[in-house]
Amino acid sequence: MKCPMELIILIVVIAVVALVLLRGGTSVAGLIINGIVGVVLIFLTNLVLSPPIPITLITVLICAIGGVLGWLIILVLHLVGITL
């Protein structure tokens, strides 16, 4: 069984993706660009932060799916001390 924190994060990410996809006027190209920007931001953030955010499968997936919002969630969780 997965850790409760991972399960909560997974539910939040799924809810955000569902809201974005159900919202009208969102194009697939916009979602792809947002995902690319999120992944690039996580790598650029590690150039500045010490200690850096660990790059794991879950952090990359959150950034790829959530884009800038996913990056912001990971950054806040890292600054609070919660690691993924």
N, C-alpha and C. Protein backbone atom coordinates (compact mmCIF):
# COMPACT_ATOMS: atom_id res chain seq x y z
N MET A 1 0.84 -1.19 0.00
CA MET A 1 0.00 0.00 0.00
C MET A 1 0.88 1.24 0.00
N LYS A 2 0.44 2.23 -0.71
CA LYS A 2 1.21 3.46 -0.81
C LYS A 2 1.09 4.29 0.46
N CYS A 3 2.05 5.16 0.62
CA CYS A 3 2.06 6.09 1.74
C CYS A 3 0.84 7.01 1.64
N PRO A 4 0.19 7.39 2.75
CA PRO A 4 -0.98 8.26 2.68
C PRO A 4 -0.68 9.60 2.00
N MET A 5 0.53 10.14 2.17
CA MET A 5 0.86 11.43 1.55
C MET A 5 0.88 11.29 0.03
N GLU A 6 1.43 10.19 -0.47
CA GLU A 6 1.45 9.98 -1.92
C GLU A 6 0.04 9.84 -2.46
N LEU A 7 -0.82 9.17 -1.72
CA LEU A 7 -2.20 8.99 -2.14
C LEU A 7 -2.93 10.33 -2.19
N ILE A 8 -2.71 11.17 -1.21
CA ILE A 8 -3.34 12.49 -1.18
C ILE A 8 -2.85 13.33 -2.36
N ILE A 9 -1.56 13.31 -2.62
CA ILE A 9 -1.00 14.07 -3.73
C ILE A 9 -1.56 13.55 -5.05
N LEU A 10 -1.66 12.25 -5.20
CA LEU A 10 -2.21 11.66 -6.41
C LEU A 10 -3.65 12.09 -6.63
N ILE A 11 -4.45 12.10 -5.59
CA ILE A 11 -5.84 12.52 -5.70
C ILE A 11 -5.92 13.99 -6.10
N VAL A 12 -5.07 14.83 -5.51
CA VAL A 12 -5.08 16.26 -5.85
C VAL A 12 -4.68 16.47 -7.30
N VAL A 13 -3.65 15.76 -7.77
CA VAL A 13 -3.21 15.90 -9.15
C VAL A 13 -4.30 15.44 -10.11
N ILE A 14 -4.95 14.33 -9.81
CA ILE A 14 -6.03 13.84 -10.68
C ILE A 14 -7.18 14.83 -10.71
N ALA A 15 -7.51 15.42 -9.57
CA ALA A 15 -8.59 16.41 -9.53
C ALA A 15 -8.24 17.65 -10.35
N VAL A 16 -7.00 18.11 -10.26
CA VAL A 16 -6.59 19.29 -11.02
C VAL A 16 -6.63 18.99 -12.52
N VAL A 17 -6.13 17.82 -12.91
CA VAL A 17 -6.15 17.45 -14.34
C VAL A 17 -7.59 17.35 -14.84
N ALA A 18 -8.46 16.75 -14.04
CA ALA A 18 -9.87 16.63 -14.44
C ALA A 18 -10.51 18.01 -14.60
N LEU A 19 -10.23 18.92 -13.68
CA LEU A 19 -10.78 20.28 -13.80
C LEU A 19 -10.27 20.99 -15.04
N VAL A 20 -8.99 20.83 -15.33
CA VAL A 20 -8.41 21.49 -16.50
C VAL A 20 -9.01 20.93 -17.78
N LEU A 21 -9.17 19.61 -17.84
CA LEU A 21 -9.70 18.99 -19.05
C LEU A 21 -11.19 19.28 -19.23
N LEU A 22 -11.93 19.39 -18.15
CA LEU A 22 -13.36 19.64 -18.24
C LEU A 22 -13.69 21.11 -18.49
N ARG A 23 -12.75 21.97 -18.16
CA ARG A 23 -12.97 23.41 -18.36
C ARG A 23 -12.97 23.69 -19.86
N GLY A 24 -13.89 24.47 -20.30
CA GLY A 24 -13.99 24.77 -21.72
C GLY A 24 -12.89 25.70 -22.20
N GLY A 25 -12.50 25.57 -23.45
CA GLY A 25 -11.53 26.48 -24.05
C GLY A 25 -10.08 26.08 -23.85
N THR A 26 -9.83 24.94 -23.26
CA THR A 26 -8.46 24.50 -23.05
C THR A 26 -8.05 23.62 -24.22
N SER A 27 -6.96 23.99 -24.87
CA SER A 27 -6.50 23.22 -26.00
C SER A 27 -5.42 22.24 -25.55
N VAL A 28 -5.25 21.19 -26.33
CA VAL A 28 -4.23 20.19 -26.01
C VAL A 28 -2.84 20.82 -26.13
N ALA A 29 -2.65 21.68 -27.11
CA ALA A 29 -1.34 22.34 -27.26
C ALA A 29 -1.01 23.19 -26.03
N GLY A 30 -1.99 23.85 -25.48
CA GLY A 30 -1.77 24.64 -24.27
C GLY A 30 -1.36 23.78 -23.09
N LEU A 31 -1.98 22.60 -22.97
CA LEU A 31 -1.62 21.68 -21.89
C LEU A 31 -0.21 21.15 -22.07
N ILE A 32 0.18 20.85 -23.31
CA ILE A 32 1.53 20.35 -23.58
C ILE A 32 2.57 21.41 -23.24
N ILE A 33 2.32 22.64 -23.66
CA ILE A 33 3.25 23.74 -23.38
C ILE A 33 3.36 23.97 -21.88
N ASN A 34 2.24 23.93 -21.18
CA ASN A 34 2.24 24.12 -19.73
C ASN A 34 3.04 23.01 -19.05
N GLY A 35 2.91 21.78 -19.52
CA GLY A 35 3.67 20.67 -18.95
C GLY A 35 5.16 20.82 -19.18
N ILE A 36 5.54 21.23 -20.39
CA ILE A 36 6.96 21.43 -20.69
C ILE A 36 7.54 22.54 -19.83
N VAL A 37 6.79 23.63 -19.68
CA VAL A 37 7.26 24.73 -18.84
C VAL A 37 7.42 24.27 -17.39
N GLY A 38 6.50 23.45 -16.89
CA GLY A 38 6.61 22.95 -15.52
C GLY A 38 7.85 22.11 -15.30
N VAL A 39 8.15 21.22 -16.25
CA VAL A 39 9.34 20.37 -16.12
C VAL A 39 10.62 21.21 -16.21
N VAL A 40 10.65 22.18 -17.10
CA VAL A 40 11.82 23.06 -17.21
C VAL A 40 12.00 23.86 -15.92
N LEU A 41 10.89 24.32 -15.35
CA LEU A 41 10.98 25.10 -14.10
C LEU A 41 11.56 24.28 -12.95
N ILE A 42 11.22 23.00 -12.87
CA ILE A 42 11.76 22.18 -11.78
C ILE A 42 13.28 22.05 -11.91
N PHE A 43 13.78 21.93 -13.15
CA PHE A 43 15.22 21.83 -13.34
C PHE A 43 15.91 23.18 -13.08
N LEU A 44 15.29 24.27 -13.49
CA LEU A 44 15.87 25.59 -13.23
C LEU A 44 15.86 25.93 -11.75
N THR A 45 14.83 25.49 -11.04
CA THR A 45 14.75 25.74 -9.61
C THR A 45 15.90 25.05 -8.88
N ASN A 46 16.29 23.88 -9.35
CA ASN A 46 17.38 23.15 -8.70
C ASN A 46 18.72 23.85 -8.89
N LEU A 47 18.84 24.71 -9.87
CA LEU A 47 20.07 25.48 -10.04
C LEU A 47 20.21 26.54 -8.95
N VAL A 48 19.09 26.96 -8.39
CA VAL A 48 19.08 28.05 -7.41
C VAL A 48 19.00 27.53 -5.97
N LEU A 49 18.18 26.51 -5.74
CA LEU A 49 17.93 26.02 -4.38
C LEU A 49 19.08 25.16 -3.86
N SER A 50 19.30 25.28 -2.57
CA SER A 50 20.24 24.39 -1.90
C SER A 50 19.61 24.01 -0.58
N PRO A 51 19.29 22.80 -0.31
CA PRO A 51 19.44 21.59 -1.11
C PRO A 51 18.39 21.55 -2.23
N PRO A 52 18.75 20.94 -3.34
CA PRO A 52 17.83 20.91 -4.48
C PRO A 52 16.63 19.99 -4.25
N ILE A 53 15.60 20.21 -5.02
CA ILE A 53 14.42 19.35 -4.99
C ILE A 53 14.80 18.02 -5.63
N PRO A 54 14.57 16.90 -4.95
CA PRO A 54 14.94 15.62 -5.57
C PRO A 54 14.09 15.35 -6.81
N ILE A 55 14.75 14.97 -7.89
CA ILE A 55 14.06 14.66 -9.13
C ILE A 55 13.70 13.18 -9.10
N THR A 56 12.44 12.91 -8.83
CA THR A 56 11.94 11.54 -8.82
C THR A 56 10.83 11.42 -9.86
N LEU A 57 10.36 10.22 -10.04
CA LEU A 57 9.29 10.00 -11.01
C LEU A 57 8.04 10.79 -10.65
N ILE A 58 7.71 10.83 -9.36
CA ILE A 58 6.50 11.54 -8.96
C ILE A 58 6.63 13.05 -9.13
N THR A 59 7.80 13.62 -8.86
CA THR A 59 7.95 15.07 -9.05
C THR A 59 7.89 15.44 -10.53
N VAL A 60 8.49 14.62 -11.39
CA VAL A 60 8.43 14.89 -12.83
C VAL A 60 7.01 14.74 -13.34
N LEU A 61 6.28 13.73 -12.87
CA LEU A 61 4.89 13.56 -13.31
C LEU A 61 4.00 14.70 -12.85
N ILE A 62 4.19 15.15 -11.61
CA ILE A 62 3.38 16.27 -11.12
C ILE A 62 3.67 17.51 -11.95
N CYS A 63 4.93 17.77 -12.27
CA CYS A 63 5.27 18.93 -13.08
C CYS A 63 4.79 18.78 -14.51
N ALA A 64 4.87 17.58 -15.06
CA ALA A 64 4.43 17.37 -16.43
C ALA A 64 2.91 17.49 -16.56
N ILE A 65 2.19 16.98 -15.58
CA ILE A 65 0.73 17.03 -15.64
C ILE A 65 0.21 18.39 -15.17
N GLY A 66 0.77 18.89 -14.09
CA GLY A 66 0.27 20.13 -13.51
C GLY A 66 0.88 21.38 -14.10
N GLY A 67 2.01 21.25 -14.78
CA GLY A 67 2.65 22.42 -15.38
C GLY A 67 3.17 23.37 -14.32
N VAL A 68 2.90 24.63 -14.50
CA VAL A 68 3.38 25.65 -13.56
C VAL A 68 2.74 25.46 -12.19
N LEU A 69 1.48 25.09 -12.16
CA LEU A 69 0.81 24.85 -10.88
C LEU A 69 1.44 23.66 -10.16
N GLY A 70 1.77 22.61 -10.90
CA GLY A 70 2.45 21.45 -10.31
C GLY A 70 3.81 21.81 -9.76
N TRP A 71 4.55 22.64 -10.51
CA TRP A 71 5.86 23.10 -10.03
C TRP A 71 5.70 23.90 -8.74
N LEU A 72 4.70 24.75 -8.70
CA LEU A 72 4.48 25.57 -7.51
C LEU A 72 4.13 24.70 -6.30
N ILE A 73 3.33 23.68 -6.51
CA ILE A 73 2.98 22.76 -5.42
C ILE A 73 4.22 22.05 -4.90
N ILE A 74 5.06 21.56 -5.82
CA ILE A 74 6.29 20.86 -5.42
C ILE A 74 7.23 21.82 -4.69
N LEU A 75 7.34 23.04 -5.17
CA LEU A 75 8.22 24.02 -4.54
C LEU A 75 7.76 24.33 -3.12
N VAL A 76 6.46 24.55 -2.93
CA VAL A 76 5.94 24.85 -1.59
C VAL A 76 6.14 23.66 -0.67
N LEU A 77 5.87 22.46 -1.17
CA LEU A 77 6.07 21.27 -0.33
C LEU A 77 7.54 21.11 0.06
N HIS A 78 8.44 21.41 -0.87
CA HIS A 78 9.88 21.31 -0.58
C HIS A 78 10.29 22.35 0.47
N LEU A 79 9.79 23.57 0.34
CA LEU A 79 10.15 24.62 1.29
C LEU A 79 9.58 24.35 2.68
N VAL A 80 8.44 23.68 2.74
CA VAL A 80 7.85 23.32 4.04
C VAL A 80 8.58 22.14 4.66
N GLY A 81 9.24 21.33 3.83
CA GLY A 81 10.00 20.21 4.34
C GLY A 81 9.41 18.85 4.01
N ILE A 82 8.39 18.83 3.17
CA ILE A 82 7.77 17.57 2.76
C ILE A 82 8.43 17.11 1.49
N THR A 83 9.04 15.93 1.50
CA THR A 83 9.68 15.42 0.30
C THR A 83 8.79 14.40 -0.38
N LEU A 84 8.90 14.35 -1.68
CA LEU A 84 8.09 13.40 -2.45
C LEU A 84 8.94 12.26 -2.93
